[in-house]
Amino acid sequence: MFNPLDNNKALALNPFYDGSYEPPRYLPEDTQRYVSVMIDSREMEVSILAAFDYGIDSLNEEGRQQLDRLIAALKVVITGR
């Protein structure tokens, strides 16, 4: 199974992490879904591009906050809450 987490980092953030990550399935298997999320600032746009070009680990705290906001918006669209 695909696990997007670095087990050592996940364990450092959550001591109860057991090495597996199984979120609920929101999309039917073997389907694709288009979602729209607003990129609401130049800072968010630059953070996305910098994360792609240099990797998420290269971002400073403000850049990570911008990605967190984007991910939060995507989660709302995907889960409906």
N, C-alpha and C. Protein backbone atom coordinates (compact mmCIF):
# COMPACT_ATOMS: atom_id res chain seq x y z
N MET A 1 0.84 -1.18 0.00
CA MET A 1 0.00 0.00 0.00
C MET A 1 0.88 1.24 0.00
N PHE A 2 0.44 2.25 -0.70
CA PHE A 2 1.14 3.52 -0.78
C PHE A 2 1.10 4.22 0.58
N ASN A 3 2.24 4.64 1.07
CA ASN A 3 2.32 5.40 2.32
C ASN A 3 3.12 6.65 2.04
N PRO A 4 2.48 7.83 2.03
CA PRO A 4 3.17 9.06 1.67
C PRO A 4 4.02 9.64 2.80
N LEU A 5 4.02 9.00 3.96
CA LEU A 5 4.69 9.56 5.13
C LEU A 5 6.11 9.02 5.29
N ASP A 6 6.97 9.86 5.81
CA ASP A 6 8.28 9.43 6.29
C ASP A 6 8.02 8.88 7.69
N ASN A 7 8.20 7.59 7.88
CA ASN A 7 7.84 6.96 9.15
C ASN A 7 8.55 7.59 10.35
N ASN A 8 9.80 7.96 10.20
CA ASN A 8 10.52 8.57 11.32
C ASN A 8 9.96 9.94 11.69
N LYS A 9 9.64 10.75 10.67
CA LYS A 9 9.06 12.07 10.94
C LYS A 9 7.66 11.93 11.52
N ALA A 10 6.87 11.00 10.98
CA ALA A 10 5.51 10.80 11.49
C ALA A 10 5.54 10.34 12.94
N LEU A 11 6.47 9.48 13.27
CA LEU A 11 6.61 8.99 14.65
C LEU A 11 7.04 10.12 15.59
N ALA A 12 7.88 11.03 15.10
CA ALA A 12 8.31 12.17 15.91
C ALA A 12 7.14 13.10 16.20
N LEU A 13 6.21 13.24 15.23
CA LEU A 13 5.05 14.11 15.43
C LEU A 13 3.95 13.43 16.23
N ASN A 14 3.83 12.12 16.08
CA ASN A 14 2.76 11.38 16.76
C ASN A 14 3.34 10.08 17.31
N PRO A 15 3.62 10.03 18.62
CA PRO A 15 4.24 8.83 19.18
C PRO A 15 3.38 7.57 19.06
N PHE A 16 2.10 7.72 18.77
CA PHE A 16 1.20 6.58 18.62
C PHE A 16 1.12 6.07 17.18
N TYR A 17 1.85 6.70 16.27
CA TYR A 17 1.87 6.27 14.87
C TYR A 17 2.39 4.84 14.79
N ASP A 18 1.66 3.97 14.10
CA ASP A 18 2.02 2.55 14.07
C ASP A 18 2.66 2.11 12.75
N GLY A 19 2.99 3.05 11.88
CA GLY A 19 3.63 2.70 10.63
C GLY A 19 2.69 2.56 9.46
N SER A 20 1.40 2.68 9.68
CA SER A 20 0.44 2.61 8.58
C SER A 20 -0.45 3.84 8.60
N TYR A 21 -0.88 4.24 7.45
CA TYR A 21 -1.77 5.39 7.31
C TYR A 21 -2.92 4.98 6.42
N GLU A 22 -4.11 4.86 6.98
CA GLU A 22 -5.29 4.38 6.26
C GLU A 22 -6.45 5.37 6.41
N PRO A 23 -6.44 6.49 5.68
CA PRO A 23 -7.58 7.39 5.76
C PRO A 23 -8.80 6.77 5.08
N PRO A 24 -9.99 7.24 5.41
CA PRO A 24 -11.19 6.72 4.73
C PRO A 24 -11.11 7.00 3.23
N ARG A 25 -11.78 6.18 2.44
CA ARG A 25 -11.83 6.37 0.99
C ARG A 25 -13.01 7.29 0.67
N TYR A 26 -12.70 8.39 -0.01
CA TYR A 26 -13.74 9.34 -0.39
C TYR A 26 -14.09 9.24 -1.87
N LEU A 27 -13.18 8.75 -2.67
CA LEU A 27 -13.43 8.57 -4.09
C LEU A 27 -13.55 7.09 -4.39
N PRO A 28 -14.48 6.70 -5.24
CA PRO A 28 -14.56 5.29 -5.62
C PRO A 28 -13.24 4.85 -6.26
N GLU A 29 -12.91 3.59 -6.08
CA GLU A 29 -11.65 3.07 -6.61
C GLU A 29 -11.62 3.19 -8.13
N ASP A 30 -10.44 3.48 -8.66
CA ASP A 30 -10.22 3.60 -10.11
C ASP A 30 -11.05 4.70 -10.75
N THR A 31 -11.27 5.79 -10.03
CA THR A 31 -11.95 6.93 -10.61
C THR A 31 -11.07 8.16 -10.44
N GLN A 32 -11.34 9.15 -11.25
CA GLN A 32 -10.67 10.43 -11.13
C GLN A 32 -11.71 11.49 -10.91
N ARG A 33 -11.31 12.54 -10.21
CA ARG A 33 -12.25 13.62 -9.94
C ARG A 33 -11.50 14.93 -10.04
N TYR A 34 -12.07 15.88 -10.73
CA TYR A 34 -11.49 17.20 -10.82
C TYR A 34 -12.00 18.02 -9.65
N VAL A 35 -11.10 18.74 -9.01
CA VAL A 35 -11.48 19.62 -7.92
C VAL A 35 -10.91 21.00 -8.19
N SER A 36 -11.58 22.00 -7.68
CA SER A 36 -11.11 23.38 -7.82
C SER A 36 -10.82 23.95 -6.45
N VAL A 37 -9.67 24.55 -6.34
CA VAL A 37 -9.27 25.22 -5.11
C VAL A 37 -8.70 26.57 -5.50
N MET A 38 -9.09 27.60 -4.77
CA MET A 38 -8.62 28.93 -5.07
C MET A 38 -7.21 29.14 -4.51
N ILE A 39 -6.31 29.60 -5.34
CA ILE A 39 -5.00 30.06 -4.88
C ILE A 39 -5.20 31.53 -4.63
N ASP A 40 -5.27 31.90 -3.35
CA ASP A 40 -5.78 33.21 -2.99
C ASP A 40 -4.74 34.31 -2.77
N SER A 41 -3.48 34.00 -3.03
CA SER A 41 -2.47 35.05 -2.87
C SER A 41 -1.24 34.72 -3.69
N ARG A 42 -0.46 35.74 -3.96
CA ARG A 42 0.81 35.55 -4.66
C ARG A 42 1.74 34.71 -3.80
N GLU A 43 1.66 34.87 -2.47
CA GLU A 43 2.49 34.11 -1.56
C GLU A 43 2.22 32.61 -1.68
N MET A 44 0.93 32.24 -1.81
CA MET A 44 0.59 30.83 -1.96
C MET A 44 1.11 30.31 -3.29
N GLU A 45 0.96 31.09 -4.33
CA GLU A 45 1.44 30.69 -5.65
C GLU A 45 2.96 30.46 -5.62
N VAL A 46 3.70 31.38 -5.04
CA VAL A 46 5.15 31.26 -4.98
C VAL A 46 5.55 30.06 -4.13
N SER A 47 4.83 29.82 -3.03
CA SER A 47 5.14 28.68 -2.17
C SER A 47 4.93 27.36 -2.89
N ILE A 48 3.88 27.26 -3.67
CA ILE A 48 3.62 26.04 -4.44
C ILE A 48 4.73 25.79 -5.45
N LEU A 49 5.10 26.84 -6.17
CA LEU A 49 6.15 26.70 -7.18
C LEU A 49 7.50 26.38 -6.54
N ALA A 50 7.81 27.03 -5.42
CA ALA A 50 9.08 26.76 -4.73
C ALA A 50 9.11 25.33 -4.20
N ALA A 51 7.99 24.86 -3.66
CA ALA A 51 7.94 23.48 -3.15
C ALA A 51 8.15 22.49 -4.28
N PHE A 52 7.59 22.77 -5.44
CA PHE A 52 7.79 21.87 -6.58
C PHE A 52 9.24 21.91 -7.06
N ASP A 53 9.80 23.11 -7.18
CA ASP A 53 11.15 23.26 -7.72
C ASP A 53 12.24 22.81 -6.75
N TYR A 54 12.06 23.07 -5.45
CA TYR A 54 13.13 22.82 -4.49
C TYR A 54 12.78 21.79 -3.42
N GLY A 55 11.52 21.37 -3.34
CA GLY A 55 11.10 20.41 -2.33
C GLY A 55 10.50 21.11 -1.12
N ILE A 56 9.56 20.45 -0.48
CA ILE A 56 8.86 21.04 0.67
C ILE A 56 9.82 21.33 1.81
N ASP A 57 10.82 20.50 1.99
CA ASP A 57 11.77 20.72 3.08
C ASP A 57 12.55 22.01 2.94
N SER A 58 12.58 22.60 1.74
CA SER A 58 13.32 23.84 1.54
C SER A 58 12.52 25.08 1.93
N LEU A 59 11.23 24.93 2.20
CA LEU A 59 10.39 26.09 2.52
C LEU A 59 10.62 26.58 3.95
N ASN A 60 10.48 27.90 4.12
CA ASN A 60 10.52 28.45 5.48
C ASN A 60 9.13 28.31 6.10
N GLU A 61 8.98 28.81 7.30
CA GLU A 61 7.71 28.64 8.04
C GLU A 61 6.53 29.28 7.31
N GLU A 62 6.74 30.46 6.76
CA GLU A 62 5.65 31.13 6.05
C GLU A 62 5.25 30.36 4.79
N GLY A 63 6.24 29.83 4.08
CA GLY A 63 5.94 29.02 2.90
C GLY A 63 5.17 27.76 3.26
N ARG A 64 5.56 27.13 4.37
CA ARG A 64 4.84 25.93 4.82
C ARG A 64 3.41 26.26 5.23
N GLN A 65 3.21 27.42 5.83
CA GLN A 65 1.85 27.83 6.21
C GLN A 65 0.98 28.02 4.97
N GLN A 66 1.57 28.55 3.91
CA GLN A 66 0.81 28.72 2.67
C GLN A 66 0.40 27.36 2.10
N LEU A 67 1.32 26.40 2.13
CA LEU A 67 0.97 25.05 1.66
C LEU A 67 -0.06 24.39 2.57
N ASP A 68 0.05 24.62 3.87
CA ASP A 68 -0.95 24.08 4.80
C ASP A 68 -2.34 24.61 4.47
N ARG A 69 -2.43 25.90 4.13
CA ARG A 69 -3.73 26.48 3.76
C ARG A 69 -4.27 25.84 2.49
N LEU A 70 -3.40 25.61 1.52
CA LEU A 70 -3.81 24.96 0.27
C LEU A 70 -4.29 23.54 0.54
N ILE A 71 -3.55 22.81 1.35
CA ILE A 71 -3.92 21.42 1.66
C ILE A 71 -5.23 21.38 2.44
N ALA A 72 -5.43 22.32 3.35
CA ALA A 72 -6.69 22.38 4.10
C ALA A 72 -7.87 22.62 3.16
N ALA A 73 -7.68 23.50 2.19
CA ALA A 73 -8.75 23.76 1.21
C ALA A 73 -9.02 22.52 0.36
N LEU A 74 -7.97 21.83 -0.03
CA LEU A 74 -8.16 20.59 -0.81
C LEU A 74 -8.89 19.53 0.01
N LYS A 75 -8.55 19.43 1.29
CA LYS A 75 -9.21 18.43 2.13
C LYS A 75 -10.71 18.71 2.21
N VAL A 76 -11.08 19.98 2.35
CA VAL A 76 -12.50 20.34 2.41
C VAL A 76 -13.20 19.92 1.13
N VAL A 77 -12.56 20.17 -0.01
CA VAL A 77 -13.18 19.80 -1.29
C VAL A 77 -13.30 18.28 -1.42
N ILE A 78 -12.26 17.56 -1.02
CA ILE A 78 -12.27 16.10 -1.18
C ILE A 78 -13.27 15.43 -0.21
N THR A 79 -13.25 15.85 1.06
CA THR A 79 -14.09 15.18 2.06
C THR A 79 -15.47 15.80 2.19
N GLY A 80 -15.63 17.02 1.74
CA GLY A 80 -16.92 17.69 1.90
C GLY A 80 -17.13 18.27 3.28
N ARG A 81 -16.04 18.35 4.06
CA ARG A 81 -16.15 18.96 5.39
C ARG A 81 -14.88 19.66 5.79
